[in-house]
Every structure is written in C-alpha cells, then in structure tokens.
Amino acid sequence: MLGPVAPGAAAAAYRLAQGEAPAAGAAAPAGGGGSFGALLQQVAQGALEAGHGADAAARASLGGQGGVTDVVVAVSRAELALQTAVAVRDRVVAAYQDVMRMPI
C-alpha cells in the first residue's frame, strides 16, 4: 500500500503541473514516476486508507478493544484527508474551466 505524501513531493508535483522548473533541492514526487496523475492517485489511495482506518477504529471501539481517543484521531485523519481531496478536486476543476475559457 502507498504511504502518505510528503509536502515537498506534493509541491514538486504542483510545480511540474504548472510547467515550472522544480525548486532547487525539491523532492521528486513519490513513486519515482514523476507523473502528476500518479501523485493524485496516491493521494486518493491515502484518503481511502484513512477512511478504512477510521472505520476499523470505530469497529474496534464498539467491540471494546479500542479507546475513544483512537476513534477521534482516526476520524480526524480521515476528515482531513477528505477535505484535502475535495480541495484538490476543486482546484483541478477550476483549472479545467480556466483552460476551457481561453480563446483559441
């Protein structure tokens, strides 16, 4: 499974998508492919894994094997991952709309 995305890798992928040169000392996107699409897929997979982790923590707590704190932390992580995914989606849609409004 894929792990969390480093902020430096996300920034490098964003710069690459914007057509800018990578910053000096910037980390390459995780996975070595350098593809912005691959980075988006990795972020989406991480959000799904966070949601599954929150579900598992809630089930464990209901079964008496986990604490409330574990559930709150897992749900907070899943919520943050979802908010990030929605923000990225909104930015991609806005960029697409900007491109579609460009004169030919």
N, C-alpha and C. Protein backbone atom coordinates (compact mmCIF):
# COMPACT_ATOMS: atom_id res chain seq x y z
N MET A 1 0.83 -1.19 0.00
CA MET A 1 0.00 0.00 0.00
C MET A 1 0.87 1.25 0.00
N LEU A 2 0.33 2.33 -0.47
CA LEU A 2 1.07 3.58 -0.54
C LEU A 2 0.94 4.33 0.76
N GLY A 3 2.00 5.02 1.13
CA GLY A 3 2.01 5.79 2.36
C GLY A 3 1.57 7.22 2.12
N PRO A 4 1.69 8.05 3.13
CA PRO A 4 1.30 9.45 2.99
C PRO A 4 2.24 10.18 2.03
N VAL A 5 1.76 11.25 1.46
CA VAL A 5 2.53 12.03 0.51
C VAL A 5 3.27 13.13 1.27
N ALA A 6 4.55 13.24 1.03
CA ALA A 6 5.35 14.29 1.67
C ALA A 6 4.96 15.64 1.08
N PRO A 7 4.90 16.68 1.91
CA PRO A 7 4.54 18.01 1.39
C PRO A 7 5.48 18.48 0.28
N GLY A 8 6.76 18.17 0.39
CA GLY A 8 7.71 18.57 -0.65
C GLY A 8 7.42 17.90 -1.98
N ALA A 9 7.01 16.63 -1.92
CA ALA A 9 6.67 15.91 -3.14
C ALA A 9 5.42 16.49 -3.78
N ALA A 10 4.46 16.86 -2.97
CA ALA A 10 3.23 17.46 -3.49
C ALA A 10 3.53 18.81 -4.13
N ALA A 11 4.39 19.60 -3.49
CA ALA A 11 4.75 20.90 -4.05
C ALA A 11 5.50 20.74 -5.36
N ALA A 12 6.39 19.75 -5.42
CA ALA A 12 7.15 19.50 -6.66
C ALA A 12 6.21 19.07 -7.78
N ALA A 13 5.24 18.23 -7.47
CA ALA A 13 4.28 17.80 -8.49
C ALA A 13 3.42 18.96 -8.97
N TYR A 14 3.07 19.86 -8.05
CA TYR A 14 2.28 21.03 -8.42
C TYR A 14 3.09 21.92 -9.35
N ARG A 15 4.36 22.15 -9.00
CA ARG A 15 5.22 22.97 -9.87
C ARG A 15 5.36 22.33 -11.25
N LEU A 16 5.52 21.02 -11.27
CA LEU A 16 5.64 20.31 -12.54
C LEU A 16 4.38 20.47 -13.38
N ALA A 17 3.22 20.38 -12.73
CA ALA A 17 1.95 20.52 -13.44
C ALA A 17 1.75 21.95 -13.95
N GLN A 18 2.33 22.93 -13.26
CA GLN A 18 2.20 24.32 -13.67
C GLN A 18 3.21 24.68 -14.76
N GLY A 19 4.10 23.74 -15.08
CA GLY A 19 5.08 23.99 -16.12
C GLY A 19 6.32 24.71 -15.60
N GLU A 20 6.48 24.80 -14.31
CA GLU A 20 7.63 25.47 -13.72
C GLU A 20 8.74 24.46 -13.50
N ALA A 21 9.94 24.96 -13.43
CA ALA A 21 11.08 24.10 -13.12
C ALA A 21 11.03 23.74 -11.65
N PRO A 22 11.45 22.53 -11.28
CA PRO A 22 11.48 22.15 -9.88
C PRO A 22 12.40 23.07 -9.09
N ALA A 23 12.03 23.36 -7.86
CA ALA A 23 12.84 24.20 -6.99
C ALA A 23 14.13 23.47 -6.64
N ALA A 24 15.17 24.23 -6.39
CA ALA A 24 16.45 23.62 -6.03
C ALA A 24 16.29 22.84 -4.74
N GLY A 25 16.70 21.59 -4.74
CA GLY A 25 16.60 20.77 -3.54
C GLY A 25 15.21 20.22 -3.29
N ALA A 26 14.30 20.42 -4.24
CA ALA A 26 12.93 19.93 -4.04
C ALA A 26 12.89 18.43 -4.23
N ALA A 27 12.02 17.80 -3.48
CA ALA A 27 11.86 16.35 -3.58
C ALA A 27 11.06 16.01 -4.82
N ALA A 28 11.42 14.93 -5.44
CA ALA A 28 10.66 14.44 -6.60
C ALA A 28 9.39 13.78 -6.09
N PRO A 29 8.34 13.73 -6.89
CA PRO A 29 7.12 13.07 -6.46
C PRO A 29 7.39 11.63 -6.08
N ALA A 30 6.69 11.17 -5.07
CA ALA A 30 6.86 9.80 -4.58
C ALA A 30 6.52 8.81 -5.67
N GLY A 31 7.20 7.68 -5.68
CA GLY A 31 6.93 6.67 -6.67
C GLY A 31 7.90 6.70 -7.82
N GLY A 32 8.68 7.78 -7.94
CA GLY A 32 9.71 7.85 -8.95
C GLY A 32 9.20 8.10 -10.35
N GLY A 33 7.90 8.02 -10.60
CA GLY A 33 7.38 8.21 -11.94
C GLY A 33 7.38 9.65 -12.37
N GLY A 34 7.23 10.57 -11.43
CA GLY A 34 7.21 11.97 -11.76
C GLY A 34 5.90 12.41 -12.38
N SER A 35 4.91 11.58 -12.39
CA SER A 35 3.64 11.89 -13.02
C SER A 35 2.69 12.54 -12.03
N PHE A 36 2.09 13.64 -12.45
CA PHE A 36 1.12 14.31 -11.58
C PHE A 36 -0.10 13.42 -11.36
N GLY A 37 -0.49 12.68 -12.39
CA GLY A 37 -1.62 11.75 -12.26
C GLY A 37 -1.33 10.66 -11.25
N ALA A 38 -0.09 10.18 -11.23
CA ALA A 38 0.29 9.16 -10.25
C ALA A 38 0.24 9.72 -8.83
N LEU A 39 0.65 10.98 -8.69
CA LEU A 39 0.58 11.61 -7.37
C LEU A 39 -0.87 11.76 -6.91
N LEU A 40 -1.75 12.16 -7.83
CA LEU A 40 -3.16 12.28 -7.48
C LEU A 40 -3.75 10.92 -7.09
N GLN A 41 -3.34 9.88 -7.80
CA GLN A 41 -3.82 8.54 -7.46
C GLN A 41 -3.33 8.13 -6.08
N GLN A 42 -2.09 8.47 -5.77
CA GLN A 42 -1.53 8.14 -4.45
C GLN A 42 -2.27 8.88 -3.34
N VAL A 43 -2.60 10.15 -3.57
CA VAL A 43 -3.33 10.93 -2.57
C VAL A 43 -4.73 10.35 -2.37
N ALA A 44 -5.38 9.97 -3.46
CA ALA A 44 -6.72 9.38 -3.35
C ALA A 44 -6.67 8.06 -2.59
N GLN A 45 -5.64 7.25 -2.87
CA GLN A 45 -5.50 5.98 -2.16
C GLN A 45 -5.26 6.22 -0.67
N GLY A 46 -4.47 7.24 -0.35
CA GLY A 46 -4.23 7.58 1.06
C GLY A 46 -5.51 8.01 1.76
N ALA A 47 -6.36 8.76 1.05
CA ALA A 47 -7.63 9.19 1.64
C ALA A 47 -8.54 7.98 1.89
N LEU A 48 -8.55 7.04 0.95
CA LEU A 48 -9.35 5.83 1.14
C LEU A 48 -8.84 5.01 2.33
N GLU A 49 -7.53 4.90 2.43
CA GLU A 49 -6.95 4.15 3.55
C GLU A 49 -7.27 4.82 4.88
N ALA A 50 -7.26 6.14 4.92
CA ALA A 50 -7.61 6.86 6.16
C ALA A 50 -9.06 6.59 6.54
N GLY A 51 -9.94 6.55 5.55
CA GLY A 51 -11.35 6.24 5.82
C GLY A 51 -11.52 4.83 6.34
N HIS A 52 -10.80 3.88 5.74
CA HIS A 52 -10.88 2.49 6.21
C HIS A 52 -10.31 2.37 7.62
N GLY A 53 -9.26 3.13 7.91
CA GLY A 53 -8.68 3.12 9.25
C GLY A 53 -9.66 3.66 10.28
N ALA A 54 -10.40 4.70 9.92
CA ALA A 54 -11.41 5.26 10.83
C ALA A 54 -12.52 4.24 11.07
N ASP A 55 -12.94 3.54 10.03
CA ASP A 55 -13.96 2.50 10.18
C ASP A 55 -13.48 1.39 11.11
N ALA A 56 -12.23 0.98 10.91
CA ALA A 56 -11.68 -0.09 11.74
C ALA A 56 -11.56 0.34 13.19
N ALA A 57 -11.16 1.58 13.42
CA ALA A 57 -11.05 2.08 14.79
C ALA A 57 -12.41 2.16 15.46
N ALA A 58 -13.42 2.56 14.70
CA ALA A 58 -14.78 2.64 15.26
C ALA A 58 -15.30 1.24 15.60
N ARG A 59 -15.06 0.28 14.71
CA ARG A 59 -15.49 -1.09 14.99
C ARG A 59 -14.77 -1.67 16.21
N ALA A 60 -13.47 -1.40 16.31
CA ALA A 60 -12.71 -1.89 17.46
C ALA A 60 -13.22 -1.27 18.76
N SER A 61 -13.56 0.01 18.71
CA SER A 61 -14.08 0.68 19.91
C SER A 61 -15.44 0.12 20.31
N LEU A 62 -16.28 -0.15 19.31
CA LEU A 62 -17.59 -0.73 19.62
C LEU A 62 -17.45 -2.13 20.19
N GLY A 63 -16.40 -2.84 19.79
CA GLY A 63 -16.15 -4.18 20.31
C GLY A 63 -15.44 -4.17 21.65
N GLY A 64 -15.14 -2.99 22.17
CA GLY A 64 -14.47 -2.89 23.46
C GLY A 64 -12.97 -3.06 23.39
N GLN A 65 -12.39 -3.02 22.19
CA GLN A 65 -10.95 -3.24 22.05
C GLN A 65 -10.18 -1.95 21.81
N GLY A 66 -10.85 -0.86 21.63
CA GLY A 66 -10.18 0.41 21.37
C GLY A 66 -10.77 1.51 22.21
N GLY A 67 -10.03 2.59 22.31
CA GLY A 67 -10.49 3.71 23.09
C GLY A 67 -11.13 4.78 22.23
N VAL A 68 -11.82 5.68 22.89
CA VAL A 68 -12.49 6.77 22.20
C VAL A 68 -11.45 7.69 21.55
N THR A 69 -10.33 7.85 22.20
CA THR A 69 -9.28 8.71 21.65
C THR A 69 -8.79 8.18 20.31
N ASP A 70 -8.63 6.87 20.20
CA ASP A 70 -8.20 6.28 18.93
C ASP A 70 -9.21 6.55 17.83
N VAL A 71 -10.48 6.47 18.16
CA VAL A 71 -11.54 6.72 17.17
C VAL A 71 -11.51 8.18 16.73
N VAL A 72 -11.38 9.09 17.69
CA VAL A 72 -11.38 10.52 17.36
C VAL A 72 -10.19 10.86 16.47
N VAL A 73 -9.02 10.31 16.78
CA VAL A 73 -7.83 10.59 15.97
C VAL A 73 -8.00 10.02 14.57
N ALA A 74 -8.50 8.80 14.46
CA ALA A 74 -8.68 8.17 13.15
C ALA A 74 -9.72 8.92 12.31
N VAL A 75 -10.80 9.34 12.93
CA VAL A 75 -11.83 10.08 12.20
C VAL A 75 -11.31 11.46 11.79
N SER A 76 -10.51 12.09 12.64
CA SER A 76 -9.93 13.39 12.29
C SER A 76 -8.99 13.26 11.11
N ARG A 77 -8.19 12.20 11.09
CA ARG A 77 -7.30 11.97 9.94
C ARG A 77 -8.10 11.75 8.67
N ALA A 78 -9.15 10.96 8.76
CA ALA A 78 -9.99 10.70 7.58
C ALA A 78 -10.66 11.98 7.10
N GLU A 79 -11.11 12.80 8.03
CA GLU A 79 -11.76 14.06 7.66
C GLU A 79 -10.78 15.00 6.97
N LEU A 80 -9.57 15.07 7.50
CA LEU A 80 -8.54 15.92 6.89
C LEU A 80 -8.19 15.42 5.49
N ALA A 81 -8.08 14.11 5.32
CA ALA A 81 -7.79 13.54 4.01
C ALA A 81 -8.91 13.84 3.02
N LEU A 82 -10.15 13.75 3.47
CA LEU A 82 -11.29 14.05 2.60
C LEU A 82 -11.31 15.53 2.22
N GLN A 83 -11.05 16.41 3.19
CA GLN A 83 -11.02 17.84 2.89
C GLN A 83 -9.92 18.17 1.89
N THR A 84 -8.78 17.50 2.03
CA THR A 84 -7.68 17.71 1.09
C THR A 84 -8.08 17.24 -0.30
N ALA A 85 -8.69 16.08 -0.39
CA ALA A 85 -9.11 15.55 -1.68
C ALA A 85 -10.14 16.47 -2.35
N VAL A 86 -11.05 17.00 -1.57
CA VAL A 86 -12.06 17.91 -2.12
C VAL A 86 -11.40 19.21 -2.59
N ALA A 87 -10.44 19.72 -1.84
CA ALA A 87 -9.75 20.94 -2.23
C ALA A 87 -8.96 20.73 -3.53
N VAL A 88 -8.31 19.58 -3.65
CA VAL A 88 -7.58 19.28 -4.88
C VAL A 88 -8.54 19.16 -6.05
N ARG A 89 -9.65 18.48 -5.83
CA ARG A 89 -10.64 18.34 -6.90
C ARG A 89 -11.15 19.70 -7.35
N ASP A 90 -11.43 20.59 -6.39
CA ASP A 90 -11.93 21.92 -6.73
C ASP A 90 -10.90 22.69 -7.55
N ARG A 91 -9.62 22.55 -7.18
CA ARG A 91 -8.57 23.25 -7.93
C ARG A 91 -8.43 22.69 -9.34
N VAL A 92 -8.55 21.38 -9.49
CA VAL A 92 -8.45 20.77 -10.82
C VAL A 92 -9.62 21.22 -11.69
N VAL A 93 -10.81 21.25 -11.13
CA VAL A 93 -11.99 21.70 -11.89
C VAL A 93 -11.84 23.16 -12.28
N ALA A 94 -11.36 23.99 -11.36
CA ALA A 94 -11.17 25.41 -11.66
C ALA A 94 -10.13 25.59 -12.76
N ALA A 95 -9.05 24.82 -12.72
CA ALA A 95 -8.02 24.90 -13.75
C ALA A 95 -8.58 24.47 -15.10
N TYR A 96 -9.38 23.41 -15.11
CA TYR A 96 -10.00 22.95 -16.35
C TYR A 96 -10.92 24.04 -16.92
N GLN A 97 -11.70 24.66 -16.06
CA GLN A 97 -12.60 25.72 -16.52
C GLN A 97 -11.82 26.91 -17.07
N ASP A 98 -10.68 27.24 -16.44
CA ASP A 98 -9.85 28.32 -16.95
C ASP A 98 -9.31 28.00 -18.34
N VAL A 99 -8.88 26.76 -18.53
CA VAL A 99 -8.38 26.36 -19.84
C VAL A 99 -9.50 26.42 -20.87
N MET A 100 -10.70 25.98 -20.51
CA MET A 100 -11.81 25.99 -21.46
C MET A 100 -12.23 27.42 -21.82
N ARG A 101 -11.99 28.39 -20.97
CA ARG A 101 -12.35 29.78 -21.25
C ARG A 101 -11.30 30.52 -22.08
N MET A 102 -10.15 29.90 -22.29
CA MET A 102 -9.09 30.54 -23.05
C MET A 102 -9.51 30.68 -24.51
N PRO A 103 -9.20 31.85 -25.10
CA PRO A 103 -9.51 31.99 -26.53
C PRO A 103 -8.55 31.14 -27.36
N ILE A 104 -9.06 30.72 -28.49
CA ILE A 104 -8.24 29.86 -29.38
C ILE A 104 -7.41 30.71 -30.29
